[in-house]
């Protein structure tokens, strides 16, 4: 991935997060990939900081890298649940 690709704009619809990139691409990912964003209010989602490496929501404790989005990665902090029979 070209490390110079950065987010320029982020917006949401009911089910997805849309990220405009500096190289002209627009990517969409399901909010279900990021439970903190899925359960946040519209106002909380709008309170983000776009940095050279990605997206950050201080109040939600959420950080999303552009590299991760382009690689198809969702929330990596959620541990896999195992069930004992």
PDB file of N, CA and C in Angstrom:
ATOM      1  N   UNK A   1       0.841  -1.191   0.000  1.00  0.00           N
ATOM      2  CA  UNK A   1       0.000   0.000   0.000  1.00  0.00           C
ATOM      3  C   UNK A   1       0.877   1.242   0.000  1.00  0.00           C
ATOM      4  N   UNK A   2       0.444   2.223  -0.683  1.00  0.00           N
ATOM      5  CA  UNK A   2       1.149   3.498  -0.716  1.00  0.00           C
ATOM      6  C   UNK A   2       0.905   4.214   0.615  1.00  0.00           C
ATOM      7  N   UNK A   3       1.979   4.452   1.380  1.00  0.00           N
ATOM      8  CA  UNK A   3       1.820   5.041   2.705  1.00  0.00           C
ATOM      9  C   UNK A   3       1.382   6.498   2.654  1.00  0.00           C
ATOM     10  N   UNK A   4       1.398   7.096   1.463  1.00  0.00           N
ATOM     11  CA  UNK A   4       0.969   8.482   1.366  1.00  0.00           C
ATOM     12  C   UNK A   4      -0.551   8.618   1.244  1.00  0.00           C
ATOM     13  N   UNK A   5      -1.259   7.506   1.130  1.00  0.00           N
ATOM     14  CA  UNK A   5      -2.722   7.559   1.045  1.00  0.00           C
ATOM     15  C   UNK A   5      -3.276   7.863   2.430  1.00  0.00           C
ATOM     16  N   UNK A   6      -4.090   8.907   2.491  1.00  0.00           N
ATOM     17  CA  UNK A   6      -4.671   9.338   3.762  1.00  0.00           C
ATOM     18  C   UNK A   6      -6.170   9.537   3.606  1.00  0.00           C
ATOM     19  N   UNK A   7      -6.867   9.503   4.712  1.00  0.00           N
ATOM     20  CA  UNK A   7      -8.293   9.820   4.711  1.00  0.00           C
ATOM     21  C   UNK A   7      -8.452  11.328   4.583  1.00  0.00           C
ATOM     22  N   UNK A   8      -9.434  11.741   3.792  1.00  0.00           N
ATOM     23  CA  UNK A   8      -9.722  13.170   3.669  1.00  0.00           C
ATOM     24  C   UNK A   8     -11.103  13.511   4.205  1.00  0.00           C
ATOM     25  N   UNK A   9     -11.970  12.525   4.268  1.00  0.00           N
ATOM     26  CA  UNK A   9     -13.340  12.750   4.740  1.00  0.00           C
ATOM     27  C   UNK A   9     -13.909  11.425   5.200  1.00  0.00           C
ATOM     28  N   UNK A  10     -14.760  11.469   6.233  1.00  0.00           N
ATOM     29  CA  UNK A  10     -15.450  10.283   6.734  1.00  0.00           C
ATOM     30  C   UNK A  10     -16.912  10.640   6.905  1.00  0.00           C
ATOM     31  N   UNK A  11     -17.792   9.766   6.446  1.00  0.00           N
ATOM     32  CA  UNK A  11     -19.219   9.956   6.700  1.00  0.00           C
ATOM     33  C   UNK A  11     -19.882   8.589   6.861  1.00  0.00           C
ATOM     34  N   UNK A  12     -21.088   8.617   7.361  1.00  0.00           N
ATOM     35  CA  UNK A  12     -21.786   7.400   7.722  1.00  0.00           C
ATOM     36  C   UNK A  12     -23.182   7.369   7.121  1.00  0.00           C
ATOM     37  N   UNK A  13     -23.659   6.156   6.837  1.00  0.00           N
ATOM     38  CA  UNK A  13     -25.081   5.965   6.600  1.00  0.00           C
ATOM     39  C   UNK A  13     -25.547   4.977   7.670  1.00  0.00           C
ATOM     40  N   UNK A  14     -26.707   4.435   7.523  1.00  0.00           N
ATOM     41  CA  UNK A  14     -27.268   3.581   8.573  1.00  0.00           C
ATOM     42  C   UNK A  14     -26.407   2.347   8.855  1.00  0.00           C
ATOM     43  N   UNK A  15     -25.766   1.804   7.820  1.00  0.00           N
ATOM     44  CA  UNK A  15     -25.056   0.541   7.973  1.00  0.00           C
ATOM     45  C   UNK A  15     -23.554   0.604   7.730  1.00  0.00           C
ATOM     46  N   UNK A  16     -23.049   1.703   7.193  1.00  0.00           N
ATOM     47  CA  UNK A  16     -21.662   1.728   6.742  1.00  0.00           C
ATOM     48  C   UNK A  16     -20.924   3.003   7.130  1.00  0.00           C
ATOM     49  N   UNK A  17     -19.599   2.885   7.148  1.00  0.00           N
ATOM     50  CA  UNK A  17     -18.711   4.029   7.262  1.00  0.00           C
ATOM     51  C   UNK A  17     -18.050   4.191   5.892  1.00  0.00           C
ATOM     52  N   UNK A  18     -18.066   5.396   5.362  1.00  0.00           N
ATOM     53  CA  UNK A  18     -17.495   5.727   4.065  1.00  0.00           C
ATOM     54  C   UNK A  18     -16.282   6.601   4.293  1.00  0.00           C
ATOM     55  N   UNK A  19     -15.170   6.252   3.675  1.00  0.00           N
ATOM     56  CA  UNK A  19     -13.932   6.996   3.855  1.00  0.00           C
ATOM     57  C   UNK A  19     -13.418   7.427   2.481  1.00  0.00           C
ATOM     58  N   UNK A  20     -13.308   8.736   2.282  1.00  0.00           N
ATOM     59  CA  UNK A  20     -12.718   9.291   1.066  1.00  0.00           C
ATOM     60  C   UNK A  20     -11.208   9.329   1.276  1.00  0.00           C
ATOM     61  N   UNK A  21     -10.469   8.862   0.282  1.00  0.00           N
ATOM     62  CA  UNK A  21      -9.017   8.810   0.373  1.00  0.00           C
ATOM     63  C   UNK A  21      -8.368   9.865  -0.513  1.00  0.00           C
ATOM     64  N   UNK A  22      -7.154  10.225  -0.156  1.00  0.00           N
ATOM     65  CA  UNK A  22      -6.441  11.284  -0.868  1.00  0.00           C
ATOM     66  C   UNK A  22      -6.099  10.914  -2.308  1.00  0.00           C
ATOM     67  N   UNK A  23      -6.153   9.627  -2.656  1.00  0.00           N
ATOM     68  CA  UNK A  23      -5.857   9.225  -4.034  1.00  0.00           C
ATOM     69  C   UNK A  23      -7.118   9.126  -4.897  1.00  0.00           C
ATOM     70  N   UNK A  24      -8.262   9.568  -4.345  1.00  0.00           N
ATOM     71  CA  UNK A  24      -9.505   9.587  -5.105  1.00  0.00           C
ATOM     72  C   UNK A  24     -10.424   8.414  -4.847  1.00  0.00           C
ATOM     73  N   UNK A  25      -9.937   7.366  -4.207  1.00  0.00           N
ATOM     74  CA  UNK A  25     -10.797   6.221  -3.896  1.00  0.00           C
ATOM     75  C   UNK A  25     -11.739   6.560  -2.755  1.00  0.00           C
ATOM     76  N   UNK A  26     -12.863   5.882  -2.742  1.00  0.00           N
ATOM     77  CA  UNK A  26     -13.817   5.944  -1.637  1.00  0.00           C
ATOM     78  C   UNK A  26     -14.071   4.510  -1.224  1.00  0.00           C
ATOM     79  N   UNK A  27     -13.862   4.220   0.055  1.00  0.00           N
ATOM     80  CA  UNK A  27     -14.114   2.866   0.536  1.00  0.00           C
ATOM     81  C   UNK A  27     -15.243   2.893   1.553  1.00  0.00           C
ATOM     82  N   UNK A  28     -15.988   1.817   1.593  1.00  0.00           N
ATOM     83  CA  UNK A  28     -17.072   1.665   2.560  1.00  0.00           C
ATOM     84  C   UNK A  28     -16.858   0.366   3.316  1.00  0.00           C
ATOM     85  N   UNK A  29     -17.080   0.424   4.616  1.00  0.00           N
ATOM     86  CA  UNK A  29     -16.988  -0.781   5.439  1.00  0.00           C
ATOM     87  C   UNK A  29     -18.229  -0.853   6.313  1.00  0.00           C
ATOM     88  N   UNK A  30     -18.693  -2.060   6.606  1.00  0.00           N
ATOM     89  CA  UNK A  30     -19.874  -2.193   7.464  1.00  0.00           C
ATOM     90  C   UNK A  30     -19.569  -1.730   8.886  1.00  0.00           C
ATOM     91  N   UNK A  31     -20.504  -1.019   9.476  1.00  0.00           N
ATOM     92  CA  UNK A  31     -20.341  -0.619  10.881  1.00  0.00           C
ATOM     93  C   UNK A  31     -20.242  -1.832  11.790  1.00  0.00           C
ATOM     94  N   UNK A  32     -20.791  -2.962  11.367  1.00  0.00           N
ATOM     95  CA  UNK A  32     -20.712  -4.183  12.169  1.00  0.00           C
ATOM     96  C   UNK A  32     -19.267  -4.608  12.414  1.00  0.00           C
ATOM     97  N   UNK A  33     -18.329  -4.173  11.563  1.00  0.00           N
ATOM     98  CA  UNK A  33     -16.917  -4.486  11.773  1.00  0.00           C
ATOM     99  C   UNK A  33     -16.349  -3.764  12.983  1.00  0.00           C
ATOM    100  N   UNK A  34     -16.993  -2.682  13.403  1.00  0.00           N
ATOM    101  CA  UNK A  34     -16.490  -1.842  14.492  1.00  0.00           C
ATOM    102  C   UNK A  34     -17.612  -1.601  15.503  1.00  0.00           C
ATOM    103  N   UNK A  35     -17.794  -2.512  16.458  1.00  0.00           N
ATOM    104  CA  UNK A  35     -18.921  -2.419  17.397  1.00  0.00           C
ATOM    105  C   UNK A  35     -19.040  -1.086  18.128  1.00  0.00           C
ATOM    106  N   UNK A  36     -17.920  -0.455  18.481  1.00  0.00           N
ATOM    107  CA  UNK A  36     -18.011   0.836  19.178  1.00  0.00           C
ATOM    108  C   UNK A  36     -18.667   1.884  18.291  1.00  0.00           C
ATOM    109  N   UNK A  37     -18.360   1.871  17.011  1.00  0.00           N
ATOM    110  CA  UNK A  37     -19.009   2.815  16.093  1.00  0.00           C
ATOM    111  C   UNK A  37     -20.450   2.412  15.820  1.00  0.00           C
ATOM    112  N   UNK A  38     -20.699   1.132  15.703  1.00  0.00           N
ATOM    113  CA  UNK A  38     -22.056   0.634  15.456  1.00  0.00           C
ATOM    114  C   UNK A  38     -23.018   1.095  16.543  1.00  0.00           C
ATOM    115  N   UNK A  39     -22.571   1.056  17.786  1.00  0.00           N
ATOM    116  CA  UNK A  39     -23.437   1.391  18.920  1.00  0.00           C
ATOM    117  C   UNK A  39     -23.346   2.854  19.340  1.00  0.00           C
ATOM    118  N   UNK A  40     -22.521   3.624  18.676  1.00  0.00           N
ATOM    119  CA  UNK A  40     -22.375   5.050  19.006  1.00  0.00           C
ATOM    120  C   UNK A  40     -23.520   5.860  18.405  1.00  0.00           C
ATOM    121  N   UNK A  41     -23.739   7.029  18.961  1.00  0.00           N
ATOM    122  CA  UNK A  41     -24.716   7.949  18.383  1.00  0.00           C
ATOM    123  C   UNK A  41     -24.097   8.629  17.161  1.00  0.00           C
ATOM    124  N   UNK A  42     -24.939   9.231  16.354  1.00  0.00           N
ATOM    125  CA  UNK A  42     -24.447   9.963  15.185  1.00  0.00           C
ATOM    126  C   UNK A  42     -23.489  11.071  15.617  1.00  0.00           C
ATOM    127  N   UNK A  43     -23.805  11.737  16.714  1.00  0.00           N
ATOM    128  CA  UNK A  43     -22.945  12.809  17.211  1.00  0.00           C
ATOM    129  C   UNK A  43     -21.578  12.270  17.632  1.00  0.00           C
ATOM    130  N   UNK A  44     -21.560  11.123  18.291  1.00  0.00           N
ATOM    131  CA  UNK A  44     -20.290  10.527  18.709  1.00  0.00           C
ATOM    132  C   UNK A  44     -19.450  10.124  17.489  1.00  0.00           C
ATOM    133  N   UNK A  45     -20.086   9.583  16.475  1.00  0.00           N
ATOM    134  CA  UNK A  45     -19.362   9.180  15.259  1.00  0.00           C
ATOM    135  C   UNK A  45     -18.726  10.379  14.569  1.00  0.00           C
ATOM    136  N   UNK A  46     -19.390  11.525  14.637  1.00  0.00           N
ATOM    137  CA  UNK A  46     -18.877  12.720  13.957  1.00  0.00           C
ATOM    138  C   UNK A  46     -17.699  13.361  14.692  1.00  0.00           C
ATOM    139  N   UNK A  47     -17.461  12.976  15.932  1.00  0.00           N
ATOM    140  CA  UNK A  47     -16.374  13.562  16.721  1.00  0.00           C
ATOM    141  C   UNK A  47     -15.084  12.771  16.531  1.00  0.00           C
ATOM    142  N   UNK A  48     -14.561  12.800  15.315  1.00  0.00           N
ATOM    143  CA  UNK A  48     -13.355  12.058  15.015  1.00  0.00           C
ATOM    144  C   UNK A  48     -12.232  12.995  14.615  1.00  0.00           C
ATOM    145  N   UNK A  49     -11.037  12.468  14.718  1.00  0.00           N
ATOM    146  CA  UNK A  49      -9.849  13.186  14.269  1.00  0.00           C
ATOM    147  C   UNK A  49      -9.215  12.350  13.175  1.00  0.00           C
ATOM    148  N   UNK A  50      -8.980  12.986  12.030  1.00  0.00           N
ATOM    149  CA  UNK A  50      -8.291  12.332  10.929  1.00  0.00           C
ATOM    150  C   UNK A  50      -6.821  12.695  11.043  1.00  0.00           C
ATOM    151  N   UNK A  51      -5.963  11.674  11.103  1.00  0.00           N
ATOM    152  CA  UNK A  51      -4.524  11.907  11.192  1.00  0.00           C
ATOM    153  C   UNK A  51      -3.853  11.319   9.956  1.00  0.00           C
ATOM    154  N   UNK A  52      -2.550  11.428   9.904  1.00  0.00           N
ATOM    155  CA  UNK A  52      -1.807  10.900   8.762  1.00  0.00           C
ATOM    156  C   UNK A  52      -1.850   9.377   8.702  1.00  0.00           C
ATOM    157  N   UNK A  53      -2.167   8.727   9.809  1.00  0.00           N
ATOM    158  CA  UNK A  53      -2.194   7.265   9.844  1.00  0.00           C
ATOM    159  C   UNK A  53      -3.583   6.666   9.876  1.00  0.00           C
ATOM    160  N   UNK A  54      -4.597   7.464  10.225  1.00  0.00           N
ATOM    161  CA  UNK A  54      -5.921   6.876  10.294  1.00  0.00           C
ATOM    162  C   UNK A  54      -6.946   7.756  10.964  1.00  0.00           C
ATOM    163  N   UNK A  55      -7.873   7.098  11.632  1.00  0.00           N
ATOM    164  CA  UNK A  55      -9.040   7.744  12.228  1.00  0.00           C
ATOM    165  C   UNK A  55      -9.049   7.476  13.727  1.00  0.00           C
ATOM    166  N   UNK A  56      -9.431   8.498  14.508  1.00  0.00           N
ATOM    167  CA  UNK A  56      -9.424   8.353  15.966  1.00  0.00           C
ATOM    168  C   UNK A  56     -10.656   9.013  16.566  1.00  0.00           C
ATOM    169  N   UNK A  57     -11.330   8.261  17.437  1.00  0.00           N
ATOM    170  CA  UNK A  57     -12.467   8.763  18.208  1.00  0.00           C
ATOM    171  C   UNK A  57     -12.077   8.678  19.674  1.00  0.00           C
ATOM    172  N   UNK A  58     -11.705   9.811  20.250  1.00  0.00           N
ATOM    173  CA  UNK A  58     -11.251   9.857  21.645  1.00  0.00           C
ATOM    174  C   UNK A  58     -12.323   9.332  22.603  1.00  0.00           C
ATOM    175  N   UNK A  59     -13.534   9.843  22.505  1.00  0.00           N
ATOM    176  CA  UNK A  59     -14.596   9.480  23.449  1.00  0.00           C
ATOM    177  C   UNK A  59     -14.990   8.004  23.342  1.00  0.00           C
ATOM    178  N   UNK A  60     -14.805   7.414  22.171  1.00  0.00           N
ATOM    179  CA  UNK A  60     -15.178   6.012  21.961  1.00  0.00           C
ATOM    180  C   UNK A  60     -14.005   5.057  22.130  1.00  0.00           C
ATOM    181  N   UNK A  61     -12.794   5.593  22.332  1.00  0.00           N
ATOM    182  CA  UNK A  61     -11.575   4.791  22.426  1.00  0.00           C
ATOM    183  C   UNK A  61     -11.444   3.891  21.199  1.00  0.00           C
ATOM    184  N   UNK A  62     -11.595   4.489  20.025  1.00  0.00           N
ATOM    185  CA  UNK A  62     -11.542   3.754  18.761  1.00  0.00           C
ATOM    186  C   UNK A  62     -10.472   4.354  17.860  1.00  0.00           C
ATOM    187  N   UNK A  63      -9.602   3.506  17.340  1.00  0.00           N
ATOM    188  CA  UNK A  63      -8.573   3.897  16.386  1.00  0.00           C
ATOM    189  C   UNK A  63      -8.644   2.944  15.208  1.00  0.00           C
ATOM    190  N   UNK A  64      -8.688   3.483  14.003  1.00  0.00           N
ATOM    191  CA  UNK A  64      -8.774   2.676  12.793  1.00  0.00           C
ATOM    192  C   UNK A  64      -7.707   3.166  11.823  1.00  0.00           C
ATOM    193  N   UNK A  65      -6.849   2.257  11.396  1.00  0.00           N
ATOM    194  CA  UNK A  65      -5.811   2.652  10.446  1.00  0.00           C
ATOM    195  C   UNK A  65      -6.337   2.531   9.022  1.00  0.00           C
ATOM    196  N   UNK A  66      -5.832   3.382   8.149  1.00  0.00           N
ATOM    197  CA  UNK A  66      -6.196   3.308   6.740  1.00  0.00           C
ATOM    198  C   UNK A  66      -5.653   2.012   6.150  1.00  0.00           C
ATOM    199  N   UNK A  67      -4.451   1.630   6.540  1.00  0.00           N
ATOM    200  CA  UNK A  67      -3.872   0.374   6.056  1.00  0.00           C
ATOM    201  C   UNK A  67      -4.765  -0.807   6.427  1.00  0.00           C
ATOM    202  N   UNK A  68      -5.292  -0.806   7.641  1.00  0.00           N
ATOM    203  CA  UNK A  68      -6.184  -1.882   8.076  1.00  0.00           C
ATOM    204  C   UNK A  68      -7.471  -1.916   7.279  1.00  0.00           C
ATOM    205  N   UNK A  69      -8.044  -0.740   7.021  1.00  0.00           N
ATOM    206  CA  UNK A  69      -9.268  -0.694   6.215  1.00  0.00           C
ATOM    207  C   UNK A  69      -9.019  -1.242   4.817  1.00  0.00           C
ATOM    208  N   UNK A  70      -7.913  -0.835   4.207  1.00  0.00           N
ATOM    209  CA  UNK A  70      -7.600  -1.309   2.859  1.00  0.00           C
ATOM    210  C   UNK A  70      -7.305  -2.809   2.833  1.00  0.00           C
ATOM    211  N   UNK A  71      -6.849  -3.353   3.958  1.00  0.00           N
ATOM    212  CA  UNK A  71      -6.575  -4.787   4.057  1.00  0.00           C
ATOM    213  C   UNK A  71      -7.825  -5.584   4.419  1.00  0.00           C
ATOM    214  N   UNK A  72      -8.945  -4.884   4.660  1.00  0.00           N
ATOM    215  CA  UNK A  72     -10.186  -5.572   4.998  1.00  0.00           C
ATOM    216  C   UNK A  72     -10.290  -6.000   6.439  1.00  0.00           C
ATOM    217  N   UNK A  73      -9.556  -5.335   7.315  1.00  0.00           N
ATOM    218  CA  UNK A  73      -9.576  -5.686   8.735  1.00  0.00           C
ATOM    219  C   UNK A  73     -10.634  -4.896   9.487  1.00  0.00           C
ATOM    220  N   UNK A  74     -11.349  -5.596  10.357  1.00  0.00           N
ATOM    221  CA  UNK A  74     -12.299  -4.955  11.247  1.00  0.00           C
ATOM    222  C   UNK A  74     -11.658  -4.711  12.597  1.00  0.00           C
ATOM    223  N   UNK A  75     -12.451  -4.682  13.634  1.00  0.00           N
ATOM    224  CA  UNK A  75     -11.987  -4.434  14.998  1.00  0.00           C
ATOM    225  C   UNK A  75     -11.132  -5.610  15.458  1.00  0.00           C
ATOM    226  N   UNK A  76      -9.855  -5.374  15.645  1.00  0.00           N
ATOM    227  CA  UNK A  76      -8.944  -6.425  16.068  1.00  0.00           C
ATOM    228  C   UNK A  76      -8.840  -6.537  17.584  1.00  0.00           C
ATOM    229  N   UNK A  77      -9.542  -5.676  18.317  1.00  0.00           N
ATOM    230  CA  UNK A  77      -9.469  -5.725  19.780  1.00  0.00           C
ATOM    231  C   UNK A  77     -10.473  -6.698  20.372  1.00  0.00           C
ATOM    232  N   UNK A  78     -11.439  -7.127  19.589  1.00  0.00           N
ATOM    233  CA  UNK A  78     -12.439  -8.066  20.088  1.00  0.00           C
ATOM    234  C   UNK A  78     -11.828  -9.456  20.117  1.00  0.00           C
ATOM    235  N   UNK A  79     -11.747 -10.036  21.290  1.00  0.00           N
ATOM    236  CA  UNK A  79     -11.168 -11.378  21.400  1.00  0.00           C
ATOM    237  C   UNK A  79     -12.150 -12.413  20.873  1.00  0.00           C
ATOM    238  N   UNK A  80     -11.606 -13.487  20.372  1.00  0.00           N
ATOM    239  CA  UNK A  80     -12.449 -14.579  19.905  1.00  0.00           C
ATOM    240  C   UNK A  80     -13.038 -15.272  21.138  1.00  0.00           C
ATOM    241  N   UNK A  81     -14.320 -15.454  21.129  1.00  0.00           N
ATOM    242  CA  UNK A  81     -14.985 -16.108  22.247  1.00  0.00           C
ATOM    243  C   UNK A  81     -14.970 -17.609  22.019  1.00  0.00           C
ATOM    244  N   UNK A  82     -14.609 -18.320  23.061  1.00  0.00           N
ATOM    245  CA  UNK A  82     -14.642 -19.778  22.987  1.00  0.00           C
ATOM    246  C   UNK A  82     -15.659 -20.265  23.991  1.00  0.00           C
ATOM    247  N   UNK A  83     -16.351 -21.310  23.634  1.00  0.00           N
ATOM    248  CA  UNK A  83     -17.382 -21.861  24.489  1.00  0.00           C
ATOM    249  C   UNK A  83     -16.986 -23.270  24.890  1.00  0.00           C
ATOM    250  N   UNK A  84     -17.179 -23.580  26.147  1.00  0.00           N
ATOM    251  CA  UNK A  84     -16.885 -24.918  26.657  1.00  0.00           C
ATOM    252  C   UNK A  84     -18.161 -25.713  26.659  1.00  0.00           C
ATOM    253  N   UNK A  85     -18.108 -26.892  26.091  1.00  0.00           N
ATOM    254  CA  UNK A  85     -19.294 -27.754  26.021  1.00  0.00           C
ATOM    255  C   UNK A  85     -19.479 -28.529  27.291  1.00  0.00           C
TER     256      UNK A  85
END
